[in-house]
Structures are given as C-alpha cells and as structure tokens.
Amino acid sequence: MQLKKLECDLTVCKLEATTSIDLSKDFYFIGRTDEEISLVCKTEDTPGNTTDRDDGWKGFRIEGVLDFSLIGILSKISGILAENKIGIFAVSTYNTDYILVKKENFEKALRVLGEAGYEIV
C-alpha cells in the first residue's frame, strides 16, 4: 500500500463560524457538530479568528480509492504509529484517509511505516 506525503504544514483549529473559511483554497477539512466547528487546513490558510489553534502538523494520505468494504486499514497504520509512541489526527474523505502527525514525528512515522512494508511516495 502506498502512502503519499503531503508537502505542506498543517493546522488543526476551532472556529465560531464557517464564514471566515476561504473555500477557494485547495486543501481543507471542515467538521461541524452540535458542539464545535473544526478545521484542518494549510497553516498559511488558517483564518485569523480561530478560538483554538494547534500548528505544527504534517500529513500523508493512503493513495488510491479505498472501497468501503475494506476493514482495518486506518487501524493498522495507527497501531504501528502507536507502538512507536506517535500520536495521530486522522480525517477521511469519500475516497481515502489522511493521517496527520506532529512535525517533529513526521520522518519517524514515515520510517516506521516504511519498515512495516508501506511504500512512501
């Protein structure tokens, strides 16, 4: 299975409203529940009115389109990273999963996943 590195720095943050999110940008995840509005975006695209903000994330995605019948893909990756004391922040799209790790753990995460048989592209 291939994992594609994302070259950008990422930020995870909370907002009071979605109106400040620039939807013309090429990379972002928005989550809205009855309790909060969360945003993952390129650090350079982070809105100025965040209520909470955590910079310093890097990420990679599982390459290709994952069929919904596939089981345990994210679990296996997160297990390998957990065994190596690397925390994650995961988000999913219709096609695939994105795994974010803190910048200081990024190279280690890619190394241990490569050693576990994942191809890093």
C-alpha atoms as a PDB file:
ATOM      1  CA  MET A   1       0.000   0.000   0.000  1.00  0.00           C
ATOM      2  CA  GLN A   2       1.301   3.455  -0.899  1.00  0.00           C
ATOM      3  CA  LEU A   3       1.334   6.457   1.398  1.00  0.00           C
ATOM      4  CA  LYS A   4       1.744   9.868  -0.237  1.00  0.00           C
ATOM      5  CA  LYS A   5       3.445  12.621   1.754  1.00  0.00           C
ATOM      6  CA  LEU A   6       1.769  15.999   1.840  1.00  0.00           C
ATOM      7  CA  GLU A   7       4.363  18.738   1.393  1.00  0.00           C
ATOM      8  CA  CYS A   8       2.521  21.454   3.318  1.00  0.00           C
ATOM      9  CA  ASP A   9       2.448  22.357   7.011  1.00  0.00           C
ATOM     10  CA  LEU A  10      -0.990  21.909   8.550  1.00  0.00           C
ATOM     11  CA  THR A  11      -3.017  23.461  11.345  1.00  0.00           C
ATOM     12  CA  VAL A  12      -5.901  21.988  13.327  1.00  0.00           C
ATOM     13  CA  CYS A  13      -8.208  24.626  14.760  1.00  0.00           C
ATOM     14  CA  LYS A  14     -11.676  25.537  16.034  1.00  0.00           C
ATOM     15  CA  LEU A  15     -13.867  28.369  14.799  1.00  0.00           C
ATOM     16  CA  GLU A  16     -17.073  30.012  15.954  1.00  0.00           C
ATOM     17  CA  ALA A  17     -18.394  30.327  12.385  1.00  0.00           C
ATOM     18  CA  THR A  18     -17.591  28.981   8.933  1.00  0.00           C
ATOM     19  CA  THR A  19     -17.805  32.393   7.266  1.00  0.00           C
ATOM     20  CA  SER A  20     -14.075  33.061   7.649  1.00  0.00           C
ATOM     21  CA  ILE A  21     -13.023  29.868   5.851  1.00  0.00           C
ATOM     22  CA  ASP A  22     -11.723  30.564   2.358  1.00  0.00           C
ATOM     23  CA  LEU A  23     -13.430  27.826   0.360  1.00  0.00           C
ATOM     24  CA  SER A  24     -11.392  28.675  -2.728  1.00  0.00           C
ATOM     25  CA  LYS A  25      -8.258  27.143  -1.161  1.00  0.00           C
ATOM     26  CA  ASP A  26      -7.131  23.744  -2.425  1.00  0.00           C
ATOM     27  CA  PHE A  27      -6.864  21.845   0.868  1.00  0.00           C
ATOM     28  CA  TYR A  28      -9.098  21.887   3.933  1.00  0.00           C
ATOM     29  CA  PHE A  29     -11.361  19.674   6.035  1.00  0.00           C
ATOM     30  CA  ILE A  30     -14.337  21.123   7.872  1.00  0.00           C
ATOM     31  CA  GLY A  31     -16.158  19.272  10.606  1.00  0.00           C
ATOM     32  CA  ARG A  32     -19.284  20.703  12.168  1.00  0.00           C
ATOM     33  CA  THR A  33     -21.252  19.157  15.016  1.00  0.00           C
ATOM     34  CA  ASP A  34     -23.678  20.449  17.626  1.00  0.00           C
ATOM     35  CA  GLU A  35     -20.622  21.188  19.808  1.00  0.00           C
ATOM     36  CA  GLU A  36     -17.988  22.707  17.530  1.00  0.00           C
ATOM     37  CA  ILE A  37     -16.652  23.689  14.135  1.00  0.00           C
ATOM     38  CA  SER A  38     -13.243  22.166  13.407  1.00  0.00           C
ATOM     39  CA  LEU A  39     -10.954  22.993  10.521  1.00  0.00           C
ATOM     40  CA  VAL A  40      -7.802  21.334   9.211  1.00  0.00           C
ATOM     41  CA  CYS A  41      -6.009  23.463   6.638  1.00  0.00           C
ATOM     42  CA  LYS A  42      -2.630  24.559   5.383  1.00  0.00           C
ATOM     43  CA  THR A  43      -1.061  26.677   8.106  1.00  0.00           C
ATOM     44  CA  GLU A  44      -0.746  29.608   5.696  1.00  0.00           C
ATOM     45  CA  ASP A  45      -4.525  29.483   5.074  1.00  0.00           C
ATOM     46  CA  THR A  46      -5.646  29.437   8.708  1.00  0.00           C
ATOM     47  CA  PRO A  47      -8.339  32.061   9.409  1.00  0.00           C
ATOM     48  CA  GLY A  48      -7.436  34.776  11.882  1.00  0.00           C
ATOM     49  CA  ASN A  49     -10.450  34.279  14.129  1.00  0.00           C
ATOM     50  CA  THR A  50      -9.770  30.789  15.483  1.00  0.00           C
ATOM     51  CA  THR A  51     -10.860  30.097  19.057  1.00  0.00           C
ATOM     52  CA  ASP A  52      -8.286  27.308  19.473  1.00  0.00           C
ATOM     53  CA  ARG A  53      -5.356  26.536  17.208  1.00  0.00           C
ATOM     54  CA  ASP A  54      -2.680  23.834  17.039  1.00  0.00           C
ATOM     55  CA  ASP A  55       0.067  24.345  14.440  1.00  0.00           C
ATOM     56  CA  GLY A  56       2.923  22.039  13.557  1.00  0.00           C
ATOM     57  CA  TRP A  57       1.223  19.129  11.801  1.00  0.00           C
ATOM     58  CA  LYS A  58       2.399  17.222   8.711  1.00  0.00           C
ATOM     59  CA  GLY A  59       0.445  14.556   6.888  1.00  0.00           C
ATOM     60  CA  PHE A  60       0.175  11.795   4.368  1.00  0.00           C
ATOM     61  CA  ARG A  61      -2.675  10.028   2.643  1.00  0.00           C
ATOM     62  CA  ILE A  62      -3.346   6.481   1.603  1.00  0.00           C
ATOM     63  CA  GLU A  63      -3.011   6.513  -2.178  1.00  0.00           C
ATOM     64  CA  GLY A  64      -5.894   5.377  -4.330  1.00  0.00           C
ATOM     65  CA  VAL A  65      -9.582   4.990  -3.707  1.00  0.00           C
ATOM     66  CA  LEU A  66     -10.429   2.806  -0.714  1.00  0.00           C
ATOM     67  CA  ASP A  67     -13.510   0.640  -1.058  1.00  0.00           C
ATOM     68  CA  PHE A  68     -15.877   0.917   1.900  1.00  0.00           C
ATOM     69  CA  SER A  69     -15.706  -2.865   2.350  1.00  0.00           C
ATOM     70  CA  LEU A  70     -12.010  -2.680   3.296  1.00  0.00           C
ATOM     71  CA  ILE A  71     -11.517  -3.205   7.009  1.00  0.00           C
ATOM     72  CA  GLY A  72      -8.704  -2.191   9.345  1.00  0.00           C
ATOM     73  CA  ILE A  73      -6.554  -0.025   7.078  1.00  0.00           C
ATOM     74  CA  LEU A  74      -6.518   3.010   9.356  1.00  0.00           C
ATOM     75  CA  SER A  75      -6.406   0.766  12.410  1.00  0.00           C
ATOM     76  CA  LYS A  76      -3.244  -0.979  11.206  1.00  0.00           C
ATOM     77  CA  ILE A  77      -1.450   2.290  10.414  1.00  0.00           C
ATOM     78  CA  SER A  78      -2.492   3.912  13.701  1.00  0.00           C
ATOM     79  CA  GLY A  79      -1.420   0.765  15.581  1.00  0.00           C
ATOM     80  CA  ILE A  80       2.068   0.870  14.090  1.00  0.00           C
ATOM     81  CA  LEU A  81       2.380   4.548  14.962  1.00  0.00           C
ATOM     82  CA  ALA A  82       1.020   3.997  18.491  1.00  0.00           C
ATOM     83  CA  GLU A  83       3.586   1.236  19.084  1.00  0.00           C
ATOM     84  CA  ASN A  84       6.223   3.841  18.241  1.00  0.00           C
ATOM     85  CA  LYS A  85       4.690   6.495  20.535  1.00  0.00           C
ATOM     86  CA  ILE A  86       3.455   8.654  17.654  1.00  0.00           C
ATOM     87  CA  GLY A  87       0.037  10.236  18.086  1.00  0.00           C
ATOM     88  CA  ILE A  88      -2.191  10.917  15.099  1.00  0.00           C
ATOM     89  CA  PHE A  89      -5.050  13.106  13.942  1.00  0.00           C
ATOM     90  CA  ALA A  90      -6.991  11.302  11.209  1.00  0.00           C
ATOM     91  CA  VAL A  91      -9.531  12.639   8.751  1.00  0.00           C
ATOM     92  CA  SER A  92     -11.287  10.833   5.961  1.00  0.00           C
ATOM     93  CA  THR A  93     -12.755  11.733   2.617  1.00  0.00           C
ATOM     94  CA  TYR A  94     -15.058   9.669   0.445  1.00  0.00           C
ATOM     95  CA  ASN A  95     -12.004   8.223  -1.345  1.00  0.00           C
ATOM     96  CA  THR A  96      -9.331   7.771   1.310  1.00  0.00           C
ATOM     97  CA  ASP A  97      -7.867   8.507   4.729  1.00  0.00           C
ATOM     98  CA  TYR A  98      -5.453  11.247   5.733  1.00  0.00           C
ATOM     99  CA  ILE A  99      -3.164  10.793   8.731  1.00  0.00           C
ATOM    100  CA  LEU A 100      -1.592  13.798  10.424  1.00  0.00           C
ATOM    101  CA  VAL A 101       1.277  13.639  12.911  1.00  0.00           C
ATOM    102  CA  LYS A 102       3.160  16.382  14.672  1.00  0.00           C
ATOM    103  CA  LYS A 103       6.007  17.750  12.561  1.00  0.00           C
ATOM    104  CA  GLU A 104       8.697  16.502  14.949  1.00  0.00           C
ATOM    105  CA  ASN A 105       7.420  12.912  14.487  1.00  0.00           C
ATOM    106  CA  PHE A 106       6.837  13.030  10.730  1.00  0.00           C
ATOM    107  CA  GLU A 107      10.090  11.477   9.484  1.00  0.00           C
ATOM    108  CA  LYS A 108       9.979   8.816  12.200  1.00  0.00           C
ATOM    109  CA  ALA A 109       6.378   7.984  11.250  1.00  0.00           C
ATOM    110  CA  LEU A 110       7.312   7.546   7.601  1.00  0.00           C
ATOM    111  CA  ARG A 111      10.340   5.452   8.538  1.00  0.00           C
ATOM    112  CA  VAL A 112       8.459   3.018  10.791  1.00  0.00           C
ATOM    113  CA  LEU A 113       5.645   2.675   8.264  1.00  0.00           C
ATOM    114  CA  GLY A 114       8.209   2.031   5.527  1.00  0.00           C
ATOM    115  CA  GLU A 115       9.813  -0.639   7.714  1.00  0.00           C
ATOM    116  CA  ALA A 116       6.341  -2.170   8.143  1.00  0.00           C
ATOM    117  CA  GLY A 117       6.006  -2.574   4.368  1.00  0.00           C
ATOM    118  CA  TYR A 118       4.263   0.618   3.299  1.00  0.00           C
ATOM    119  CA  GLU A 119       5.656   2.353   0.226  1.00  0.00           C
ATOM    120  CA  ILE A 120       6.215   6.073   0.821  1.00  0.00           C
ATOM    121  CA  VAL A 121       5.771   8.225  -2.310  1.00  0.00           C
END
